[in-house]
N, C-alpha and C. Protein backbone atom coordinates (compact mmCIF):
# COMPACT_ATOMS: atom_id res chain seq x y z
N MET A 1 18.33 3.73 32.37
CA MET A 1 19.34 3.63 31.35
C MET A 1 18.73 4.00 30.01
N SER A 2 19.31 4.95 29.34
CA SER A 2 18.77 5.37 28.05
C SER A 2 19.37 4.53 26.93
N TYR A 3 18.66 4.49 25.85
CA TYR A 3 19.10 3.73 24.68
C TYR A 3 19.09 4.64 23.47
N ALA A 4 20.16 4.63 22.75
CA ALA A 4 20.24 5.40 21.51
C ALA A 4 20.61 4.44 20.39
N PRO A 5 19.78 4.34 19.36
CA PRO A 5 20.10 3.43 18.26
C PRO A 5 21.38 3.87 17.55
N LYS A 6 22.06 2.89 16.99
CA LYS A 6 23.30 3.16 16.27
C LYS A 6 23.06 2.99 14.78
N ASP A 7 23.84 3.67 13.99
CA ASP A 7 23.78 3.50 12.54
C ASP A 7 24.35 2.14 12.17
N ALA A 8 23.91 1.64 11.02
CA ALA A 8 24.47 0.40 10.51
C ALA A 8 25.92 0.62 10.11
N THR A 9 26.71 -0.42 10.23
CA THR A 9 28.07 -0.32 9.71
C THR A 9 27.99 -0.23 8.19
N PRO A 10 28.99 0.27 7.52
CA PRO A 10 28.94 0.35 6.05
C PRO A 10 28.71 -1.01 5.39
N ILE A 11 29.30 -2.06 5.93
CA ILE A 11 29.11 -3.40 5.36
C ILE A 11 27.66 -3.85 5.51
N THR A 12 27.08 -3.65 6.69
CA THR A 12 25.68 -4.03 6.92
C THR A 12 24.75 -3.21 6.05
N ALA A 13 24.97 -1.92 5.96
CA ALA A 13 24.11 -1.06 5.15
C ALA A 13 24.15 -1.50 3.68
N THR A 14 25.32 -1.77 3.17
CA THR A 14 25.45 -2.21 1.78
C THR A 14 24.77 -3.56 1.57
N ALA A 15 24.99 -4.49 2.47
CA ALA A 15 24.38 -5.82 2.35
C ALA A 15 22.85 -5.72 2.37
N ASN A 16 22.30 -4.89 3.23
CA ASN A 16 20.85 -4.76 3.32
C ASN A 16 20.27 -4.03 2.11
N ARG A 17 20.98 -3.05 1.59
CA ARG A 17 20.51 -2.36 0.37
C ARG A 17 20.54 -3.32 -0.82
N GLU A 18 21.59 -4.11 -0.93
CA GLU A 18 21.69 -5.08 -2.03
C GLU A 18 20.65 -6.19 -1.88
N ALA A 19 20.30 -6.54 -0.66
CA ALA A 19 19.31 -7.60 -0.42
C ALA A 19 17.91 -7.21 -0.90
N ARG A 20 17.63 -5.93 -1.00
CA ARG A 20 16.32 -5.48 -1.49
C ARG A 20 16.00 -6.06 -2.86
N ALA A 21 17.01 -6.25 -3.68
CA ALA A 21 16.80 -6.79 -5.02
C ALA A 21 16.42 -8.28 -5.00
N LEU A 22 16.62 -8.94 -3.88
CA LEU A 22 16.33 -10.38 -3.78
C LEU A 22 14.86 -10.68 -3.50
N TYR A 23 14.09 -9.68 -3.12
CA TYR A 23 12.71 -9.89 -2.67
C TYR A 23 11.73 -9.06 -3.50
N ALA A 24 10.52 -9.57 -3.64
CA ALA A 24 9.46 -8.83 -4.34
C ALA A 24 8.79 -7.89 -3.35
N LEU A 25 9.49 -6.84 -2.97
CA LEU A 25 9.02 -5.95 -1.92
C LEU A 25 7.82 -5.11 -2.34
N ASP A 26 7.53 -5.03 -3.63
CA ASP A 26 6.37 -4.26 -4.08
C ASP A 26 5.12 -5.11 -4.21
N ASP A 27 5.22 -6.41 -3.94
CA ASP A 27 4.07 -7.31 -3.99
C ASP A 27 3.25 -7.14 -2.71
N VAL A 28 1.99 -6.72 -2.84
CA VAL A 28 1.17 -6.43 -1.66
C VAL A 28 0.28 -7.60 -1.24
N GLU A 29 0.36 -8.73 -1.91
CA GLU A 29 -0.51 -9.87 -1.59
C GLU A 29 -0.38 -10.31 -0.13
N ASP A 30 0.84 -10.34 0.39
CA ASP A 30 1.04 -10.76 1.78
C ASP A 30 0.30 -9.85 2.76
N PHE A 31 0.29 -8.55 2.48
CA PHE A 31 -0.40 -7.60 3.35
C PHE A 31 -1.91 -7.84 3.30
N GLU A 32 -2.43 -8.05 2.11
CA GLU A 32 -3.86 -8.31 1.94
C GLU A 32 -4.26 -9.62 2.63
N THR A 33 -3.44 -10.65 2.47
CA THR A 33 -3.73 -11.94 3.10
C THR A 33 -3.71 -11.84 4.61
N SER A 34 -2.73 -11.13 5.16
CA SER A 34 -2.62 -11.03 6.62
C SER A 34 -3.79 -10.26 7.24
N ARG A 35 -4.42 -9.40 6.46
CA ARG A 35 -5.54 -8.59 6.98
C ARG A 35 -6.90 -9.25 6.73
N ARG A 36 -6.91 -10.34 6.01
CA ARG A 36 -8.17 -11.01 5.71
C ARG A 36 -8.86 -11.45 7.00
N GLY A 37 -10.13 -11.21 7.09
CA GLY A 37 -10.91 -11.61 8.26
C GLY A 37 -10.84 -10.65 9.43
N PHE A 38 -10.24 -9.50 9.25
CA PHE A 38 -10.12 -8.54 10.35
C PHE A 38 -11.49 -8.18 10.91
N VAL A 39 -11.60 -8.19 12.24
CA VAL A 39 -12.85 -7.86 12.93
C VAL A 39 -12.71 -6.58 13.75
N ALA A 40 -11.66 -6.51 14.57
CA ALA A 40 -11.55 -5.36 15.49
C ALA A 40 -10.11 -5.16 15.94
N TRP A 41 -9.75 -3.88 16.12
CA TRP A 41 -8.45 -3.53 16.69
C TRP A 41 -8.45 -3.79 18.18
N VAL A 42 -7.28 -3.74 18.78
CA VAL A 42 -7.15 -3.79 20.23
C VAL A 42 -7.81 -2.53 20.78
N PRO A 43 -8.81 -2.67 21.65
CA PRO A 43 -9.49 -1.48 22.18
C PRO A 43 -8.50 -0.54 22.87
N GLY A 44 -8.49 0.71 22.45
CA GLY A 44 -7.59 1.69 23.02
C GLY A 44 -6.13 1.48 22.65
N GLY A 45 -5.85 0.49 21.82
CA GLY A 45 -4.49 0.23 21.39
C GLY A 45 -3.61 -0.47 22.42
N LYS A 46 -4.19 -0.84 23.58
CA LYS A 46 -3.38 -1.44 24.64
C LYS A 46 -4.08 -2.66 25.24
N ILE A 47 -3.29 -3.67 25.56
CA ILE A 47 -3.79 -4.82 26.33
C ILE A 47 -3.30 -4.61 27.75
N LEU A 48 -4.24 -4.56 28.66
CA LEU A 48 -3.92 -4.26 30.06
C LEU A 48 -3.97 -5.50 30.92
N LEU A 49 -3.10 -5.55 31.93
CA LEU A 49 -3.14 -6.59 32.94
C LEU A 49 -4.19 -6.20 33.98
N ASP A 50 -4.52 -7.13 34.86
CA ASP A 50 -5.54 -6.87 35.88
C ASP A 50 -5.22 -5.64 36.74
N ASP A 51 -3.93 -5.39 36.97
CA ASP A 51 -3.55 -4.27 37.83
C ASP A 51 -3.42 -2.96 37.07
N GLY A 52 -3.78 -2.96 35.76
CA GLY A 52 -3.75 -1.74 34.96
C GLY A 52 -2.47 -1.51 34.19
N ARG A 53 -1.42 -2.31 34.48
CA ARG A 53 -0.18 -2.16 33.72
C ARG A 53 -0.41 -2.62 32.28
N VAL A 54 0.38 -2.08 31.38
CA VAL A 54 0.24 -2.40 29.96
C VAL A 54 1.05 -3.66 29.64
N SER A 55 0.36 -4.66 29.08
CA SER A 55 1.02 -5.88 28.63
C SER A 55 1.53 -5.71 27.21
N TYR A 56 0.76 -5.02 26.38
CA TYR A 56 1.16 -4.77 24.98
C TYR A 56 0.56 -3.45 24.54
N ASP A 57 1.38 -2.65 23.87
CA ASP A 57 0.96 -1.34 23.39
C ASP A 57 1.20 -1.30 21.87
N THR A 58 0.11 -1.26 21.11
CA THR A 58 0.24 -1.30 19.65
C THR A 58 0.95 -0.07 19.10
N THR A 59 0.95 1.04 19.83
CA THR A 59 1.63 2.23 19.32
C THR A 59 3.15 2.06 19.32
N ALA A 60 3.64 1.08 20.06
CA ALA A 60 5.08 0.84 20.10
C ALA A 60 5.61 0.34 18.75
N VAL A 61 4.72 -0.18 17.91
CA VAL A 61 5.14 -0.65 16.58
C VAL A 61 4.47 0.15 15.47
N ALA A 62 4.00 1.34 15.79
CA ALA A 62 3.35 2.19 14.78
C ALA A 62 4.29 2.57 13.64
N PHE A 63 5.59 2.53 13.89
CA PHE A 63 6.55 2.84 12.82
C PHE A 63 6.47 1.83 11.68
N LEU A 64 5.78 0.71 11.90
CA LEU A 64 5.61 -0.31 10.86
C LEU A 64 4.34 -0.11 10.03
N ASP A 65 3.54 0.90 10.34
CA ASP A 65 2.24 1.08 9.69
C ASP A 65 2.30 1.34 8.19
N ASP A 66 3.34 1.96 7.71
CA ASP A 66 3.43 2.29 6.29
C ASP A 66 3.92 1.07 5.51
N ASP A 67 3.01 0.42 4.79
CA ASP A 67 3.35 -0.79 4.04
C ASP A 67 4.46 -0.55 3.02
N ALA A 68 4.55 0.64 2.49
CA ALA A 68 5.50 0.94 1.41
C ALA A 68 6.85 1.43 1.90
N SER A 69 7.02 1.60 3.20
CA SER A 69 8.29 2.15 3.70
C SER A 69 9.44 1.18 3.47
N ASP A 70 10.59 1.73 3.14
CA ASP A 70 11.79 0.93 2.97
C ASP A 70 12.38 0.59 4.33
N ASN A 71 13.09 -0.54 4.36
CA ASN A 71 13.76 -0.92 5.60
C ASN A 71 14.90 0.05 5.90
N PRO A 72 15.16 0.28 7.17
CA PRO A 72 16.35 1.06 7.50
C PRO A 72 17.60 0.23 7.18
N ASP A 73 18.72 0.88 7.04
CA ASP A 73 19.96 0.17 6.71
C ASP A 73 20.36 -0.84 7.77
N THR A 74 19.81 -0.72 8.96
CA THR A 74 20.17 -1.63 10.06
C THR A 74 19.39 -2.94 10.04
N VAL A 75 18.36 -3.04 9.17
CA VAL A 75 17.48 -4.21 9.18
C VAL A 75 17.41 -4.85 7.80
N ASN A 76 17.54 -6.17 7.77
CA ASN A 76 17.39 -6.90 6.52
C ASN A 76 16.01 -6.64 5.95
N PRO A 77 15.87 -6.40 4.64
CA PRO A 77 14.56 -6.06 4.06
C PRO A 77 13.52 -7.16 4.22
N SER A 78 13.93 -8.41 4.24
CA SER A 78 12.98 -9.50 4.42
C SER A 78 12.39 -9.49 5.84
N LEU A 79 13.23 -9.24 6.83
CA LEU A 79 12.75 -9.16 8.22
C LEU A 79 11.86 -7.94 8.42
N TRP A 80 12.22 -6.82 7.80
CA TRP A 80 11.43 -5.59 7.90
C TRP A 80 10.04 -5.82 7.31
N ARG A 81 10.00 -6.45 6.15
CA ARG A 81 8.71 -6.74 5.50
C ARG A 81 7.86 -7.67 6.37
N GLN A 82 8.48 -8.73 6.89
CA GLN A 82 7.74 -9.67 7.73
C GLN A 82 7.15 -8.95 8.95
N ALA A 83 7.92 -8.08 9.57
CA ALA A 83 7.42 -7.32 10.72
C ALA A 83 6.23 -6.47 10.32
N LYS A 84 6.28 -5.83 9.15
CA LYS A 84 5.18 -4.98 8.69
C LYS A 84 3.94 -5.81 8.39
N VAL A 85 4.14 -7.01 7.83
CA VAL A 85 3.01 -7.87 7.46
C VAL A 85 2.24 -8.33 8.70
N ILE A 86 2.94 -8.65 9.77
CA ILE A 86 2.27 -9.29 10.92
C ILE A 86 2.06 -8.39 12.13
N HIS A 87 2.31 -7.11 12.05
CA HIS A 87 2.29 -6.28 13.26
C HIS A 87 0.92 -5.80 13.71
N GLU A 88 -0.10 -5.94 12.90
CA GLU A 88 -1.41 -5.36 13.24
C GLU A 88 -2.18 -6.26 14.21
N ALA A 89 -2.14 -5.87 15.47
CA ALA A 89 -2.78 -6.65 16.52
C ALA A 89 -4.28 -6.44 16.52
N GLY A 90 -5.02 -7.53 16.68
CA GLY A 90 -6.47 -7.43 16.75
C GLY A 90 -7.14 -8.77 16.62
N LEU A 91 -8.44 -8.73 16.51
CA LEU A 91 -9.26 -9.93 16.39
C LEU A 91 -9.55 -10.19 14.92
N TYR A 92 -9.35 -11.44 14.48
CA TYR A 92 -9.56 -11.84 13.10
C TYR A 92 -10.48 -13.06 13.05
N ARG A 93 -11.35 -13.08 12.07
CA ARG A 93 -12.21 -14.24 11.82
C ARG A 93 -11.48 -15.14 10.84
N VAL A 94 -11.20 -16.38 11.26
CA VAL A 94 -10.49 -17.33 10.42
C VAL A 94 -11.46 -18.02 9.47
N THR A 95 -12.55 -18.50 10.02
CA THR A 95 -13.62 -19.15 9.26
C THR A 95 -14.85 -19.17 10.16
N ASP A 96 -15.92 -19.78 9.69
CA ASP A 96 -17.11 -19.85 10.53
C ASP A 96 -16.76 -20.42 11.89
N ARG A 97 -17.07 -19.67 12.93
CA ARG A 97 -16.96 -20.11 14.32
C ARG A 97 -15.53 -20.24 14.84
N ILE A 98 -14.55 -19.74 14.09
CA ILE A 98 -13.17 -19.77 14.57
C ILE A 98 -12.57 -18.37 14.39
N TYR A 99 -12.03 -17.84 15.49
CA TYR A 99 -11.43 -16.51 15.52
C TYR A 99 -10.03 -16.62 16.12
N GLN A 100 -9.20 -15.62 15.82
CA GLN A 100 -7.89 -15.52 16.45
C GLN A 100 -7.64 -14.08 16.87
N PHE A 101 -7.04 -13.94 18.04
CA PHE A 101 -6.52 -12.66 18.47
C PHE A 101 -5.04 -12.72 18.16
N ARG A 102 -4.59 -11.91 17.18
CA ARG A 102 -3.25 -12.05 16.63
C ARG A 102 -2.34 -10.86 16.95
N ASN A 103 -1.05 -11.17 16.95
CA ASN A 103 0.02 -10.18 16.89
C ASN A 103 0.14 -9.29 18.11
N ALA A 104 -0.24 -9.77 19.26
CA ALA A 104 -0.10 -8.98 20.48
C ALA A 104 0.66 -9.75 21.56
N ASP A 105 1.36 -10.78 21.15
CA ASP A 105 2.10 -11.61 22.09
C ASP A 105 2.96 -12.56 21.26
N ILE A 106 3.62 -13.46 21.94
CA ILE A 106 4.44 -14.45 21.24
C ILE A 106 3.57 -15.51 20.56
N ALA A 107 2.31 -15.59 20.94
CA ALA A 107 1.41 -16.60 20.37
C ALA A 107 0.02 -15.98 20.15
N ASN A 108 -0.74 -16.61 19.28
CA ASN A 108 -2.11 -16.16 19.03
C ASN A 108 -3.07 -16.82 20.01
N LEU A 109 -4.15 -16.14 20.31
CA LEU A 109 -5.24 -16.69 21.11
C LEU A 109 -6.32 -17.12 20.13
N THR A 110 -6.73 -18.39 20.18
CA THR A 110 -7.74 -18.92 19.26
C THR A 110 -9.05 -19.11 20.01
N ILE A 111 -10.14 -18.68 19.39
CA ILE A 111 -11.46 -18.77 19.99
C ILE A 111 -12.33 -19.61 19.06
N VAL A 112 -12.88 -20.69 19.60
CA VAL A 112 -13.78 -21.55 18.85
C VAL A 112 -15.18 -21.35 19.41
N VAL A 113 -16.12 -20.97 18.55
CA VAL A 113 -17.50 -20.74 18.97
C VAL A 113 -18.21 -22.09 18.90
N GLY A 114 -18.48 -22.67 20.08
CA GLY A 114 -19.18 -23.94 20.15
C GLY A 114 -20.66 -23.73 20.34
N ASP A 115 -21.41 -24.81 20.28
CA ASP A 115 -22.86 -24.71 20.45
C ASP A 115 -23.24 -24.24 21.84
N GLY A 116 -22.42 -24.54 22.85
CA GLY A 116 -22.74 -24.16 24.21
C GLY A 116 -21.93 -22.99 24.74
N GLY A 117 -21.13 -22.34 23.89
CA GLY A 117 -20.30 -21.22 24.33
C GLY A 117 -18.99 -21.21 23.57
N LEU A 118 -18.00 -20.61 24.15
CA LEU A 118 -16.71 -20.47 23.50
C LEU A 118 -15.67 -21.37 24.14
N VAL A 119 -14.76 -21.89 23.33
CA VAL A 119 -13.58 -22.58 23.83
C VAL A 119 -12.40 -21.70 23.40
N VAL A 120 -11.56 -21.33 24.35
CA VAL A 120 -10.46 -20.42 24.07
C VAL A 120 -9.16 -21.15 24.39
N VAL A 121 -8.24 -21.13 23.42
CA VAL A 121 -6.95 -21.76 23.60
C VAL A 121 -5.88 -20.70 23.35
N ASP A 122 -4.96 -20.56 24.30
CA ASP A 122 -3.89 -19.59 24.16
C ASP A 122 -2.58 -20.25 24.54
N CYS A 123 -1.58 -20.08 23.71
CA CYS A 123 -0.27 -20.68 23.96
C CYS A 123 0.75 -19.64 24.39
N ALA A 124 0.28 -18.53 24.92
CA ALA A 124 1.18 -17.46 25.35
C ALA A 124 1.95 -17.89 26.59
N LEU A 125 2.95 -17.11 26.91
CA LEU A 125 3.78 -17.42 28.06
C LEU A 125 3.14 -17.02 29.38
N LEU A 126 2.32 -15.97 29.36
CA LEU A 126 1.81 -15.42 30.61
C LEU A 126 0.30 -15.42 30.65
N GLN A 127 -0.27 -15.95 31.71
CA GLN A 127 -1.71 -15.98 31.87
C GLN A 127 -2.33 -14.60 31.88
N PRO A 128 -1.73 -13.60 32.56
CA PRO A 128 -2.35 -12.27 32.55
C PRO A 128 -2.45 -11.67 31.15
N ALA A 129 -1.44 -11.90 30.31
CA ALA A 129 -1.49 -11.38 28.95
C ALA A 129 -2.61 -12.07 28.16
N ALA A 130 -2.76 -13.37 28.36
CA ALA A 130 -3.83 -14.10 27.69
C ALA A 130 -5.19 -13.59 28.14
N ALA A 131 -5.33 -13.34 29.42
CA ALA A 131 -6.60 -12.82 29.93
C ALA A 131 -6.88 -11.44 29.35
N GLY A 132 -5.84 -10.62 29.19
CA GLY A 132 -6.01 -9.29 28.59
C GLY A 132 -6.47 -9.38 27.16
N LYS A 133 -5.89 -10.31 26.39
CA LYS A 133 -6.31 -10.50 25.00
C LYS A 133 -7.76 -10.97 24.95
N LEU A 134 -8.11 -11.89 25.84
CA LEU A 134 -9.48 -12.39 25.87
C LEU A 134 -10.46 -11.27 26.22
N ALA A 135 -10.08 -10.43 27.16
CA ALA A 135 -10.95 -9.31 27.52
C ALA A 135 -11.12 -8.37 26.34
N ALA A 136 -10.04 -8.11 25.60
CA ALA A 136 -10.14 -7.25 24.42
C ALA A 136 -11.02 -7.90 23.36
N ALA A 137 -10.85 -9.20 23.16
CA ALA A 137 -11.68 -9.92 22.19
C ALA A 137 -13.14 -9.94 22.62
N GLY A 138 -13.38 -9.98 23.93
CA GLY A 138 -14.73 -10.04 24.45
C GLY A 138 -15.54 -8.77 24.26
N GLN A 139 -14.88 -7.71 23.78
CA GLN A 139 -15.60 -6.46 23.54
C GLN A 139 -16.33 -6.46 22.21
N VAL A 140 -16.23 -7.56 21.47
CA VAL A 140 -17.00 -7.71 20.24
C VAL A 140 -17.80 -9.01 20.36
N THR A 141 -18.84 -9.14 19.56
CA THR A 141 -19.67 -10.33 19.60
C THR A 141 -19.18 -11.33 18.56
N LEU A 142 -18.93 -12.55 18.99
CA LEU A 142 -18.47 -13.60 18.10
C LEU A 142 -19.66 -14.48 17.72
N ASP A 143 -20.10 -14.37 16.50
CA ASP A 143 -21.23 -15.15 16.01
C ASP A 143 -22.41 -15.09 16.98
N GLY A 144 -22.60 -13.95 17.62
CA GLY A 144 -23.76 -13.74 18.48
C GLY A 144 -23.65 -14.32 19.87
N ASP A 145 -22.49 -14.90 20.27
CA ASP A 145 -22.38 -15.53 21.57
C ASP A 145 -21.15 -15.04 22.32
N PRO A 146 -21.31 -14.09 23.25
CA PRO A 146 -20.15 -13.57 23.96
C PRO A 146 -19.74 -14.39 25.19
N ALA A 147 -20.45 -15.48 25.51
CA ALA A 147 -20.16 -16.24 26.73
C ALA A 147 -18.92 -17.12 26.56
N VAL A 148 -18.11 -17.21 27.61
CA VAL A 148 -16.94 -18.08 27.60
C VAL A 148 -17.27 -19.35 28.36
N LEU A 149 -17.10 -20.49 27.72
CA LEU A 149 -17.36 -21.77 28.36
C LEU A 149 -16.08 -22.36 28.94
N ASP A 150 -15.05 -22.49 28.13
CA ASP A 150 -13.77 -23.04 28.56
C ASP A 150 -12.65 -22.18 28.01
N ALA A 151 -11.62 -21.98 28.81
CA ALA A 151 -10.46 -21.24 28.34
C ALA A 151 -9.21 -21.87 28.94
N TYR A 152 -8.32 -22.32 28.10
CA TYR A 152 -7.11 -22.99 28.56
C TYR A 152 -5.88 -22.25 28.09
N GLY A 153 -4.87 -22.26 28.93
CA GLY A 153 -3.60 -21.64 28.57
C GLY A 153 -2.48 -22.64 28.68
N SER A 154 -1.26 -22.17 28.58
CA SER A 154 -0.12 -23.05 28.69
C SER A 154 0.91 -22.41 29.62
N VAL A 155 1.80 -23.23 30.11
CA VAL A 155 2.93 -22.74 30.87
C VAL A 155 4.13 -22.97 29.96
N VAL A 156 4.58 -21.92 29.32
CA VAL A 156 5.64 -21.92 28.32
C VAL A 156 5.32 -22.94 27.23
N ASP A 157 5.81 -24.18 27.32
CA ASP A 157 5.55 -25.12 26.25
C ASP A 157 4.81 -26.36 26.74
N LYS A 158 4.23 -26.31 27.93
CA LYS A 158 3.55 -27.46 28.49
C LYS A 158 2.06 -27.14 28.64
N PHE A 159 1.21 -27.86 27.94
CA PHE A 159 -0.22 -27.64 28.05
C PHE A 159 -0.67 -28.02 29.46
N ASP A 160 -1.49 -27.20 30.05
CA ASP A 160 -1.95 -27.45 31.41
C ASP A 160 -3.41 -27.01 31.53
N PRO A 161 -4.36 -27.96 31.49
CA PRO A 161 -5.77 -27.58 31.60
C PRO A 161 -6.14 -27.00 32.96
N ASP A 162 -5.24 -27.11 33.94
CA ASP A 162 -5.50 -26.52 35.25
C ASP A 162 -4.95 -25.10 35.36
N PHE A 163 -4.57 -24.52 34.25
CA PHE A 163 -4.03 -23.16 34.20
C PHE A 163 -5.00 -22.30 33.39
N PRO A 164 -6.14 -21.96 33.97
CA PRO A 164 -7.18 -21.28 33.19
C PRO A 164 -6.87 -19.81 32.92
N ILE A 165 -7.29 -19.36 31.77
CA ILE A 165 -7.23 -17.94 31.46
C ILE A 165 -8.34 -17.23 32.23
N VAL A 166 -9.49 -17.85 32.26
CA VAL A 166 -10.62 -17.37 33.05
C VAL A 166 -11.20 -18.56 33.77
N THR A 167 -11.97 -18.30 34.80
CA THR A 167 -12.66 -19.38 35.49
C THR A 167 -14.05 -19.52 34.88
N PRO A 168 -14.31 -20.68 34.24
CA PRO A 168 -15.63 -20.87 33.60
C PRO A 168 -16.77 -20.80 34.60
């Protein structure tokens, strides 16, 4: 089934154009803040599942790369800006010994560098996607220790320590 986008209705287009005046769309601080601590992009631009299928493809949101682009008439300018601010998937350093793999799923994967290895917590919906993010993150060295000690995931909204992302 093919999909063809539709133009905004005249009322929607007018409302979205008028909404631009409500926001400080030329303020770049949000973009700078969201990129703080950047370590590495998703290797090859794709997060792969064990069977080679693509779980997330960063090129699918490449149309958001231009920070200065105006929203299309079909999208509220605030939502367009938010999408542009958070779309860059990759590994980020939050602070000493804490990293996050961001913007490649419904949730971030957090990596804590412990004295005996890494503790990885992911609240994503699917274990294979979490494992793919962890594999992508594992292609860089986190504070000199690439070993994974513990990795826990969730089943939708229920924490389950018996649902490992990897087997320690």
